[in-house]
Protein backbone atom coordinates (compact mmCIF):
# COMPACT_ATOMS: atom_id res chain seq x y z
CA UNK A 1 0.00 0.00 0.00
CA UNK A 2 1.19 3.55 -0.73
CA UNK A 3 2.70 5.61 2.13
CA UNK A 4 0.10 7.64 4.04
CA UNK A 5 0.86 11.22 2.99
CA UNK A 6 -2.70 12.44 3.55
CA UNK A 7 -3.29 16.19 3.68
CA UNK A 8 -6.79 17.29 4.61
CA UNK A 9 -8.62 19.44 2.05
CA UNK A 10 -9.93 22.71 3.51
CA UNK A 11 -11.18 24.72 0.55
CA UNK A 12 -13.22 27.21 2.62
CA UNK A 13 -10.71 27.68 5.50
CA UNK A 14 -12.95 25.78 7.89
CA UNK A 15 -10.06 25.44 10.33
CA UNK A 16 -10.89 29.00 11.34
CA UNK A 17 -14.18 27.70 12.76
CA UNK A 18 -12.41 25.21 15.01
CA UNK A 19 -10.93 25.81 18.43
CA UNK A 20 -7.33 24.94 19.23
CA UNK A 21 -8.61 21.93 21.17
CA UNK A 22 -10.60 20.75 18.14
CA UNK A 23 -7.54 20.96 15.91
CA UNK A 24 -5.38 19.21 18.49
CA UNK A 25 -7.86 16.32 18.74
CA UNK A 26 -8.09 16.04 14.95
CA UNK A 27 -4.37 16.26 14.31
CA UNK A 28 -3.41 13.82 17.07
CA UNK A 29 -6.00 11.32 15.83
CA UNK A 30 -4.73 11.75 12.27
CA UNK A 31 -1.16 11.10 13.38
CA UNK A 32 -2.27 8.00 15.28
CA UNK A 33 -4.12 6.68 12.22
CA UNK A 34 -1.10 7.24 9.99
CA UNK A 35 1.13 5.36 12.41
CA UNK A 36 -1.15 2.57 13.61
CA UNK A 37 -3.90 2.02 11.00
CA UNK A 38 -2.54 2.84 7.56
CA UNK A 39 0.38 0.36 7.64
CA UNK A 40 -1.79 -2.62 8.66
CA UNK A 41 -5.30 -1.96 7.39
CA UNK A 42 -4.94 -3.40 3.91
CA UNK A 43 -3.60 -6.69 5.27
CA UNK A 44 -6.55 -7.00 7.65
CA UNK A 45 -9.06 -6.00 4.96
CA UNK A 46 -7.74 -8.66 2.61
CA UNK A 47 -7.84 -11.26 5.40
CA UNK A 48 -11.20 -10.04 6.77
CA UNK A 49 -9.82 -9.74 10.31
CA UNK A 50 -10.20 -7.11 12.99
CA UNK A 51 -6.89 -5.81 14.39
CA UNK A 52 -7.52 -6.30 18.10
CA UNK A 53 -4.06 -4.96 18.88
CA UNK A 54 -5.30 -1.41 18.23
CA UNK A 55 -7.89 -1.43 21.04
CA UNK A 56 -5.47 -0.21 23.69
CA UNK A 57 -4.29 2.58 21.39
CA UNK A 58 -7.84 3.70 20.71
CA UNK A 59 -8.45 3.99 24.44
CA UNK A 60 -5.19 5.91 24.91
CA UNK A 61 -6.22 8.60 22.42
CA UNK A 62 -9.61 8.92 24.13
CA UNK A 63 -11.63 7.46 21.28
CA UNK A 64 -13.89 5.37 23.51
CA UNK A 65 -16.63 7.63 24.84
CA UNK A 66 -14.72 10.86 24.31
CA UNK A 67 -17.89 12.84 25.16
CA UNK A 68 -18.51 10.88 28.38
CA UNK A 69 -17.74 12.93 31.54
CA UNK A 70 -14.30 12.46 33.04
CA UNK A 71 -15.71 11.18 36.33
CA UNK A 72 -16.85 8.06 34.46
CA UNK A 73 -13.56 7.60 32.63
CA UNK A 74 -14.38 9.57 29.45
CA UNK A 75 -12.46 12.52 28.06
CA UNK A 76 -15.28 15.04 28.51
CA UNK A 77 -14.86 16.43 24.99
CA UNK A 78 -17.53 18.25 23.03
CA UNK A 79 -19.36 16.84 20.02
CA UNK A 80 -17.27 18.62 17.40
CA UNK A 81 -14.20 16.92 18.85
CA UNK A 82 -16.05 13.61 18.68
CA UNK A 83 -16.99 14.27 15.07
CA UNK A 84 -13.45 15.18 14.05
CA UNK A 85 -12.16 12.02 15.71
CA UNK A 86 -14.68 9.92 13.75
CA UNK A 87 -13.63 11.71 10.55
CA UNK A 88 -10.00 10.80 11.04
CA UNK A 89 -10.70 7.21 12.07
CA UNK A 90 -12.92 6.59 9.04
CA UNK A 91 -10.32 8.22 6.85
CA UNK A 92 -8.28 5.22 7.97
CA UNK A 93 -11.11 2.70 7.62
CA UNK A 94 -14.87 2.58 8.16
CA UNK A 95 -14.55 -0.68 10.09
CA UNK A 96 -12.30 0.93 12.69
CA UNK A 97 -14.63 3.90 13.05
CA UNK A 98 -17.57 1.49 13.38
CA UNK A 99 -15.90 -0.25 16.32
CA UNK A 100 -15.42 3.08 18.07
CA UNK A 101 -18.92 4.34 17.20
CA UNK A 102 -20.50 1.23 18.71
CA UNK A 103 -18.41 1.46 21.87
CA UNK A 104 -19.07 5.18 22.32
CA UNK A 105 -22.55 5.93 21.00
CA UNK A 106 -24.31 2.60 21.28
CA UNK A 107 -22.84 1.12 24.47
CA UNK A 108 -21.41 3.89 26.65
CA UNK A 109 -24.05 6.47 25.68
CA UNK A 110 -27.08 4.41 26.82
CA UNK A 111 -25.39 3.41 30.08
CA UNK A 112 -24.52 7.08 30.69
CA UNK A 113 -27.97 8.40 29.77
CA UNK A 114 -30.28 5.58 30.89
CA UNK A 115 -28.25 3.63 33.43
CA UNK A 116 -28.19 3.73 37.21
CA UNK A 117 -25.29 5.33 39.03
CA UNK A 118 -24.13 1.86 40.01
CA UNK A 119 -24.14 0.75 36.35
CA UNK A 120 -22.24 3.85 35.26
CA UNK A 121 -19.50 3.31 37.82
CA UNK A 122 -19.30 -0.42 37.11
CA UNK A 123 -19.10 -0.32 33.30
CA UNK A 124 -18.15 3.11 31.93
CA UNK A 125 -14.54 3.38 33.20
CA UNK A 126 -13.75 -0.12 31.92
CA UNK A 127 -15.36 0.63 28.55
CA UNK A 128 -13.41 3.90 28.27
CA UNK A 129 -10.12 2.10 29.00
CA UNK A 130 -10.88 -0.70 26.56
CA UNK A 131 -10.84 -3.28 29.33
CA UNK A 132 -14.40 -4.05 28.26
CA UNK A 133 -15.68 -3.94 24.68
CA UNK A 134 -19.41 -3.72 24.02
CA UNK A 135 -21.97 -4.19 21.28
CA UNK A 136 -25.54 -3.02 20.64
CA UNK A 137 -28.39 -5.39 19.92
CA UNK A 138 -31.37 -3.83 18.14
CA UNK A 139 -31.59 -5.19 14.57
CA UNK A 140 -33.23 -8.60 14.17
CA UNK A 141 -33.29 -11.08 11.28
CA UNK A 142 -36.81 -10.00 10.29
CA UNK A 143 -36.87 -6.46 11.68
CA UNK A 144 -34.33 -3.95 10.41
CA UNK A 145 -35.90 -0.62 9.48
CA UNK A 146 -38.94 -1.40 11.67
CA UNK A 147 -37.44 -2.20 15.09
CA UNK A 148 -40.76 -1.63 16.86
CA UNK A 149 -41.80 -5.10 15.65
CA UNK A 150 -38.88 -6.82 17.38
CA UNK A 151 -39.64 -10.23 18.82
CA UNK A 152 -36.76 -10.55 21.29
CA UNK A 153 -38.41 -10.55 24.71
CA UNK A 154 -37.86 -11.11 28.41
CA UNK A 155 -40.01 -12.28 31.29
CA UNK A 156 -39.75 -11.76 35.03
CA UNK A 157 -38.99 -15.10 36.67
CA UNK A 158 -39.81 -13.62 40.12
CA UNK A 159 -36.45 -14.87 41.42
CA UNK A 160 -34.28 -11.82 40.81
CA UNK A 161 -33.73 -12.46 37.11
CA UNK A 162 -35.27 -11.80 33.72
CA UNK A 163 -35.36 -14.66 31.23
CA UNK A 164 -34.30 -13.35 27.81
CA UNK A 165 -35.07 -15.07 24.49
CA UNK A 166 -34.53 -14.03 20.88
CA UNK A 167 -31.83 -13.11 18.37
CA UNK A 168 -30.13 -10.04 16.92
CA UNK A 169 -28.32 -9.80 13.58
CA UNK A 170 -25.61 -7.65 11.94
CA UNK A 171 -24.06 -6.71 15.28
CA UNK A 172 -20.67 -4.98 15.13
CA UNK A 173 -18.18 -6.14 17.78
CA UNK A 174 -20.44 -9.07 18.72
CA UNK A 175 -17.91 -11.93 18.30
CA UNK A 176 -15.53 -10.53 20.92
CA UNK A 177 -17.72 -8.15 22.95
CA UNK A 178 -17.70 -8.50 26.73
CA UNK A 179 -21.15 -6.93 27.15
CA UNK A 180 -24.16 -6.27 24.93
CA UNK A 181 -26.78 -3.55 25.28
CA UNK A 182 -29.84 -5.54 24.20
CA UNK A 183 -33.24 -4.07 23.41
CA UNK A 184 -36.16 -6.38 24.10
CA UNK A 185 -39.85 -6.31 24.99
CA UNK A 186 -41.21 -7.14 28.41
CA UNK A 187 -44.48 -8.92 29.11
CA UNK A 188 -46.37 -5.65 28.58
CA UNK A 189 -44.77 -5.23 25.13
CA UNK A 190 -42.63 -2.31 26.35
CA UNK A 191 -39.07 -2.02 24.99
CA UNK A 192 -36.27 -1.91 27.57
CA UNK A 193 -32.50 -2.05 27.45
CA UNK A 194 -30.62 -4.79 29.29
CA UNK A 195 -26.91 -5.27 29.89
CA UNK A 196 -26.07 -8.84 28.92
CA UNK A 197 -22.61 -10.11 29.85
CA UNK A 198 -20.53 -12.70 28.06
CA UNK A 199 -20.57 -15.95 29.98
CA UNK A 200 -24.23 -15.81 30.87
CA UNK A 201 -25.64 -19.27 30.16
CA UNK A 202 -27.57 -19.41 26.88
CA UNK A 203 -25.87 -16.32 25.39
CA UNK A 204 -23.80 -16.89 22.22
CA UNK A 205 -22.30 -14.64 19.53
CA UNK A 206 -21.61 -16.51 16.24
CA UNK A 207 -19.54 -14.54 13.74
CA UNK A 208 -20.91 -13.40 10.37
CA UNK A 209 -18.62 -14.56 7.56
CA UNK A 210 -18.19 -13.88 3.83
CA UNK A 211 -18.64 -10.09 3.92
CA UNK A 212 -17.44 -8.01 0.99
CA UNK A 213 -17.79 -4.84 3.07
CA UNK A 214 -16.47 -3.70 6.47
CA UNK A 215 -14.02 -6.57 6.35
CA UNK A 216 -11.95 -5.13 9.22
CA UNK A 217 -15.01 -4.93 11.47
CA UNK A 218 -15.98 -8.00 13.48
CA UNK A 219 -19.68 -8.68 12.86
CA UNK A 220 -21.92 -11.32 14.34
CA UNK A 221 -25.22 -12.37 15.85
CA UNK A 222 -26.53 -12.29 19.40
CA UNK A 223 -28.44 -15.43 20.37
CA UNK A 224 -30.43 -15.59 23.61
CA UNK A 225 -31.71 -18.97 24.71
CA UNK A 226 -33.33 -18.63 28.13
CA UNK A 227 -30.60 -16.28 29.30
CA UNK A 228 -30.91 -15.33 32.97
CA UNK A 229 -30.19 -11.59 33.23
CA UNK A 230 -30.01 -10.10 36.75
CA UNK A 231 -32.70 -7.50 37.33
CA UNK A 232 -30.02 -4.99 38.29
CA UNK A 233 -28.83 -5.13 34.65
CA UNK A 234 -31.90 -3.42 33.21
CA UNK A 235 -31.37 0.24 32.22
CA UNK A 236 -33.82 2.01 34.56
CA UNK A 237 -34.01 5.61 33.38
CA UNK A 238 -35.73 5.27 30.00
CA UNK A 239 -37.83 2.70 28.13
CA UNK A 240 -39.71 2.58 24.84
CA UNK A 241 -38.38 2.74 21.28
CA UNK A 242 -37.21 6.31 21.84
CA UNK A 243 -34.34 5.02 24.00
CA UNK A 244 -32.48 3.03 21.32
CA UNK A 245 -33.33 5.71 18.74
CA UNK A 246 -31.53 8.29 20.89
CA UNK A 247 -28.48 6.03 20.78
CA UNK A 248 -28.78 5.79 17.00
CA UNK A 249 -28.90 9.58 16.77
CA UNK A 250 -25.53 9.73 18.51
CA UNK A 251 -24.10 7.08 16.20
CA UNK A 252 -25.54 8.70 13.07
CA UNK A 253 -24.02 12.00 14.09
CA UNK A 254 -20.61 10.36 14.24
CA UNK A 255 -21.16 8.72 10.86
CA UNK A 256 -21.99 12.08 9.28
CA UNK A 257 -18.45 13.17 10.16
CA UNK A 258 -16.81 9.80 9.54
CA UNK A 259 -18.03 9.53 5.97
CA UNK A 260 -16.30 12.82 5.16
CA UNK A 261 -13.02 11.20 6.15
CA UNK A 262 -13.51 8.34 3.70
CA UNK A 263 -14.47 10.82 0.97
CA UNK A 264 -11.46 13.02 1.67
CA UNK A 265 -9.09 10.07 1.49
CA UNK A 266 -10.46 9.01 -1.90
CA UNK A 267 -10.32 12.58 -3.20
CA UNK A 268 -6.73 13.11 -2.03
CA UNK A 269 -5.66 9.80 -3.58
CA UNK A 270 -7.28 10.66 -6.91
CA UNK A 271 -5.89 14.19 -6.93
CA UNK A 272 -2.33 12.99 -6.33
CA UNK A 273 -2.66 10.25 -8.93
CA UNK A 274 -4.04 12.68 -11.52
CA UNK A 275 -0.88 14.77 -11.23
CA UNK A 276 1.44 11.79 -11.61
CA UNK A 277 -0.28 9.61 -14.22
CA UNK A 278 0.81 10.49 -17.76
CA UNK A 279 -1.32 9.66 -20.80
CA UNK A 280 -1.03 11.20 -24.26
CA UNK A 281 2.12 12.97 -23.02
CA UNK A 282 0.27 14.90 -20.30
CA UNK A 283 -0.78 14.39 -16.71
CA UNK A 284 -4.39 13.19 -16.72
CA UNK A 285 -5.18 15.94 -14.20
CA UNK A 286 -4.77 18.43 -17.06
CA UNK A 287 -7.75 16.91 -18.85
CA UNK A 288 -11.19 18.46 -18.55
CA UNK A 289 -13.03 15.25 -17.69
CA UNK A 290 -10.72 14.50 -14.77
CA UNK A 291 -10.83 18.10 -13.53
CA UNK A 292 -14.62 17.93 -13.60
CA UNK A 293 -14.57 14.89 -11.32
CA UNK A 294 -12.06 16.43 -8.93
CA UNK A 295 -13.81 19.80 -8.81
CA UNK A 296 -17.13 18.13 -7.99
CA UNK A 297 -15.45 16.03 -5.29
CA UNK A 298 -13.96 19.00 -3.45
CA UNK A 299 -17.23 20.92 -3.77
CA UNK A 300 -19.22 18.11 -2.16
CA UNK A 301 -16.61 17.59 0.55
CA UNK A 302 -16.73 21.28 1.40
CA UNK A 303 -20.53 21.26 1.62
CA UNK A 304 -20.42 18.16 3.81
CA UNK A 305 -17.82 19.75 6.09
CA UNK A 306 -20.01 22.80 6.58
CA UNK A 307 -23.07 20.64 7.23
CA UNK A 308 -21.23 18.53 9.81
CA UNK A 309 -19.70 21.55 11.54
CA UNK A 310 -23.06 23.31 11.87
CA UNK A 311 -24.64 20.10 13.15
CA UNK A 312 -21.84 19.85 15.70
CA UNK A 313 -22.58 23.37 16.93
CA UNK A 314 -26.26 22.48 17.29
CA UNK A 315 -25.33 19.23 19.04
CA UNK A 316 -23.14 21.09 21.54
CA UNK A 317 -26.04 23.46 22.22
CA UNK A 318 -28.45 20.56 22.70
CA UNK A 319 -30.51 21.76 19.74
CA UNK A 320 -29.75 19.16 17.03
CA UNK A 321 -32.90 17.34 15.96
CA UNK A 322 -33.16 13.72 14.87
CA UNK A 323 -34.25 14.89 11.42
CA UNK A 324 -31.20 17.14 11.06
CA UNK A 325 -28.93 14.26 12.03
CA UNK A 326 -30.68 12.02 9.47
CA UNK A 327 -30.13 14.59 6.73
CA UNK A 328 -26.43 14.91 7.54
CA UNK A 329 -25.89 11.16 7.71
CA UNK A 330 -27.68 10.58 4.42
CA UNK A 331 -26.03 13.43 2.53
CA UNK A 332 -22.49 12.87 3.73
CA UNK A 333 -22.46 9.13 3.13
CA UNK A 334 -23.92 9.65 -0.34
CA UNK A 335 -21.25 12.17 -1.33
CA UNK A 336 -18.55 9.90 0.06
CA UNK A 337 -19.64 6.85 -1.91
CA UNK A 338 -19.99 8.91 -5.11
CA UNK A 339 -16.51 10.35 -4.57
CA UNK A 340 -15.12 6.84 -4.10
CA UNK A 341 -16.67 5.70 -7.36
CA UNK A 342 -15.37 8.70 -9.33
CA UNK A 343 -11.94 8.42 -7.72
CA UNK A 344 -11.74 4.77 -8.74
CA UNK A 345 -12.39 5.80 -12.34
CA UNK A 346 -9.57 8.33 -12.23
CA UNK A 347 -7.18 5.61 -11.11
CA UNK A 348 -8.42 3.23 -13.77
CA UNK A 349 -7.43 -0.37 -13.17
CA UNK A 350 -5.09 0.62 -10.33
CA UNK A 351 -8.15 1.76 -8.42
CA UNK A 352 -9.24 -1.80 -7.72
CA UNK A 353 -5.95 -2.87 -6.15
CA UNK A 354 -4.97 -2.91 -2.52
CA UNK A 355 -2.10 -0.57 -3.33
CA UNK A 356 -4.64 2.22 -2.94
CA UNK A 357 -7.44 2.68 -0.40
CA UNK A 358 -10.26 3.61 -2.79
CA UNK A 359 -11.86 0.23 -3.45
CA UNK A 360 -11.77 -0.63 0.26
CA UNK A 361 -13.51 2.64 1.09
CA UNK A 362 -16.07 2.05 -1.65
CA UNK A 363 -16.96 -1.42 -0.36
CA UNK A 364 -17.13 -0.15 3.22
CA UNK A 365 -19.43 2.71 2.31
CA UNK A 366 -21.91 0.25 0.81
CA UNK A 367 -22.52 -0.83 4.41
CA UNK A 368 -22.38 2.65 5.90
CA UNK A 369 -25.07 3.84 3.48
CA UNK A 370 -27.35 1.10 4.83
CA UNK A 371 -26.67 0.76 8.55
CA UNK A 372 -27.90 3.12 11.27
CA UNK A 373 -30.91 3.81 9.04
CA UNK A 374 -30.92 3.11 5.33
CA UNK A 375 -30.44 5.79 2.69
CA UNK A 376 -34.15 5.67 1.78
CA UNK A 377 -35.38 5.67 5.37
CA UNK A 378 -33.43 8.85 6.11
CA UNK A 379 -35.00 10.45 3.06
CA UNK A 380 -38.45 9.62 4.44
CA UNK A 381 -37.48 11.07 7.81
CA UNK A 382 -36.71 14.36 6.10
CA UNK A 383 -39.93 14.11 4.08
CA UNK A 384 -42.01 13.57 7.19
CA UNK A 385 -40.25 16.43 8.98
CA UNK A 386 -40.99 18.97 6.26
CA UNK A 387 -44.52 17.83 5.31
CA UNK A 388 -45.89 16.45 8.55
CA UNK A 389 -47.04 13.29 6.77
CA UNK A 390 -45.76 9.85 7.75
CA UNK A 391 -44.92 7.91 4.58
CA UNK A 392 -43.65 4.80 6.35
């Protein structure tokens, strides 16, 4: 694979909108990615393996729950810092960013927001340090975009435990996760979150094989066969579908930044190649068709950067809506996948090789455009928000 000489595009001087802390977080994460991800990621993508050796490094740079308060082991950063960190990690690889997104937004976030003080103190510091790795169980084999119809359920056995039955599918981190935040219905058909720990009898996590996308992310199932979950493991502060959807908002926010990183990496690769590749006695970057592609790429990246930054400001203020987050996730992933496809064309046949990152990004983004709410579902969320009519 080519040396990582990435330089971030900043066509509208957006660095001027960032604080010194924001830039420090971004630049330190970028340096860590160049040193620890870029040299190994192609090997792991080709082998479809997750590089577990990076987990300690991710915790050291504060990637796990960076917005979680320091008293619970987090870094206490703001949401723009979180977004910039996701941008740099996904610039390295979507699978690595996915691992961090799950740990931060889908495991630590619900414990922080919906958990008891005892649960926060027990789990959050260990999750922040990487001593524990978590996963998030919402999607089921027959219920993806419509999680309200989930069939995973639990019953009170009147002996201090809940008995949990069901299955979850397409779960990042599942094969090696120490805990799972599982969403299930009680006997009154009300959705609750439960903390399920590895080793509980009847709980298994088979790995999902043969993926063409997110090959560096460990994906699996969560199987619950009469699992006895202690009652103290239920998240007490919020129930109903709104609870997991709040978690998804946090994850989608991170994705809206992360996708920009993948798009920037493809753009920078294509730009550099266009200046070096000679055809018909000239660099292909001197040709109108290639300049059109590159000019459109940087335009879309700039628009996505502005959208993400403004969303980050709203998020810090506590004013970001679910619909705004959906728009940003949908738009920024779409521009990233289109940039990847155009960048691959600029590189020609070389674009499909592991010597460059483009094809890996393109395959990864095919998952990112679907998970945490599909491309079409996010469009309907915007449609409902502006018309008031539910088209689902």
